[in-house]
Amino acid sequence: MTEEKRYSDMDEQELRTEIARLKEQARKAEQLGIVNEFAVLERKAIMAAAYLLDPNDFKKGEVYRIEGDPNVYFQIDYLKGRFAWGYRLGGDKYTEALPISMLRPLKEGK
């Protein structure tokens, strides 16, 4: 039995390889119609991608776009590990946590 390495213990190349592997597995699960497995694999890829980013690049009080959720914005209250805690603008202001890999700066032209 092989022990899985934690994302925090992986170097950049290992993380990129893991993300590619997870995305390929997710693609296959989607083709087979295994929706639950697809969702889990996609979320794992998002989490692995968070370890490629520097949490110090994300600032408390700033607003970011949420990847995959057009026209929805997220304001960061605080960061803990690879998660940004805050709330979505324009809706109910309940606190939630998103992996930093899901956040995009407003200044990006995308």
Protein backbone atom coordinates (compact mmCIF):
# COMPACT_ATOMS: atom_id res chain seq x y z
CA MET A 1 0.00 0.00 0.00
CA THR A 2 1.45 3.34 -1.01
CA GLU A 3 1.12 6.34 1.22
CA GLU A 4 -0.20 9.45 -0.50
CA LYS A 5 1.91 12.56 -0.17
CA ARG A 6 0.22 15.68 1.18
CA TYR A 7 -0.08 18.64 -1.18
CA SER A 8 1.86 20.75 1.30
CA ASP A 9 4.80 18.31 1.01
CA MET A 10 4.88 18.33 -2.80
CA ASP A 11 7.14 20.50 -4.91
CA GLU A 12 5.83 22.52 -7.88
CA GLN A 13 6.44 19.77 -10.45
CA GLU A 14 4.73 17.13 -8.30
CA LEU A 15 1.74 19.44 -7.82
CA ARG A 16 1.46 20.11 -11.56
CA THR A 17 1.64 16.36 -12.28
CA GLU A 18 -1.00 15.66 -9.63
CA ILE A 19 -3.31 18.36 -11.03
CA ALA A 20 -2.99 16.92 -14.55
CA ARG A 21 -3.69 13.40 -13.23
CA LEU A 22 -6.76 14.56 -11.30
CA LYS A 23 -8.12 16.51 -14.28
CA GLU A 24 -7.68 13.47 -16.54
CA GLN A 25 -9.50 11.25 -14.03
CA ALA A 26 -12.24 13.87 -13.73
CA ARG A 27 -12.61 13.98 -17.52
CA LYS A 28 -13.00 10.20 -17.64
CA ALA A 29 -15.52 10.23 -14.77
CA GLU A 30 -17.53 12.91 -16.57
CA GLN A 31 -17.53 10.88 -19.79
CA LEU A 32 -18.76 7.84 -17.85
CA GLY A 33 -21.47 9.93 -16.19
CA ILE A 34 -20.10 9.46 -12.67
CA VAL A 35 -21.08 12.90 -11.44
CA ASN A 36 -20.07 12.50 -7.79
CA GLU A 37 -16.58 11.25 -8.65
CA PHE A 38 -16.18 14.06 -11.19
CA ALA A 39 -17.06 16.68 -8.54
CA VAL A 40 -14.63 15.21 -5.98
CA LEU A 41 -11.76 15.05 -8.48
CA GLU A 42 -12.39 18.61 -9.68
CA ARG A 43 -12.33 19.86 -6.07
CA LYS A 44 -9.08 17.97 -5.38
CA ALA A 45 -7.48 19.61 -8.44
CA ILE A 46 -8.59 23.03 -7.18
CA MET A 47 -7.07 22.31 -3.78
CA ALA A 48 -3.79 21.11 -5.31
CA ALA A 49 -3.67 24.29 -7.41
CA ALA A 50 -4.00 26.36 -4.23
CA TYR A 51 -0.58 25.07 -3.16
CA LEU A 52 0.99 26.60 -6.28
CA LEU A 53 -0.08 30.07 -5.11
CA ASP A 54 1.31 32.32 -2.40
CA PRO A 55 -1.36 33.23 0.20
CA ASN A 56 0.48 36.53 0.75
CA ASP A 57 -0.68 37.61 -2.72
CA PHE A 58 -4.26 37.73 -1.41
CA LYS A 59 -5.22 40.68 0.77
CA LYS A 60 -7.78 41.06 3.53
CA GLY A 61 -10.59 43.43 2.54
CA GLU A 62 -9.99 43.09 -1.20
CA VAL A 63 -12.60 41.83 -3.64
CA TYR A 64 -11.91 39.01 -6.12
CA ARG A 65 -13.81 37.29 -8.91
CA ILE A 66 -14.70 33.64 -8.32
CA GLU A 67 -13.43 31.34 -11.06
CA GLY A 68 -16.27 29.46 -12.70
CA ASP A 69 -18.92 31.77 -11.26
CA PRO A 70 -19.20 34.77 -13.61
CA ASN A 71 -20.28 38.12 -12.19
CA VAL A 72 -19.94 36.87 -8.60
CA TYR A 73 -17.45 38.60 -6.33
CA PHE A 74 -15.88 37.55 -3.04
CA GLN A 75 -14.50 39.82 -0.33
CA ILE A 76 -11.81 38.37 1.91
CA ASP A 77 -12.18 38.85 5.67
CA TYR A 78 -9.13 36.74 6.55
CA LEU A 79 -6.88 33.97 5.29
CA LYS A 80 -6.15 30.68 6.99
CA GLY A 81 -3.79 28.33 5.24
CA ARG A 82 -4.77 28.03 1.59
CA PHE A 83 -8.33 29.22 2.22
CA ALA A 84 -9.77 32.72 2.00
CA TRP A 85 -12.62 33.30 4.43
CA GLY A 86 -15.18 35.95 3.58
CA TYR A 87 -18.46 36.41 1.77
CA ARG A 88 -19.95 36.81 -1.68
CA LEU A 89 -21.04 40.34 -2.53
CA GLY A 90 -24.63 41.10 -3.42
CA GLY A 91 -26.17 38.18 -1.57
CA ASP A 92 -26.64 36.99 1.95
CA LYS A 93 -23.49 37.89 3.83
CA TYR A 94 -22.74 34.51 5.33
CA THR A 95 -19.11 33.60 5.87
CA GLU A 96 -17.63 30.86 3.73
CA ALA A 97 -14.18 29.62 2.81
CA LEU A 98 -12.86 29.25 -0.73
CA PRO A 99 -9.51 27.82 -1.83
CA ILE A 100 -7.34 30.71 -3.00
CA SER A 101 -6.98 29.01 -6.39
CA MET A 102 -10.65 29.87 -7.08
CA LEU A 103 -10.05 33.62 -6.70
CA ARG A 104 -9.01 35.96 -9.49
CA PRO A 105 -8.05 39.63 -9.06
CA LEU A 106 -10.52 42.16 -10.42
CA LYS A 107 -7.70 43.88 -12.29
CA GLU A 108 -7.17 40.86 -14.55
CA GLY A 109 -8.68 41.49 -17.96
CA LYS A 110 -10.42 38.11 -18.16
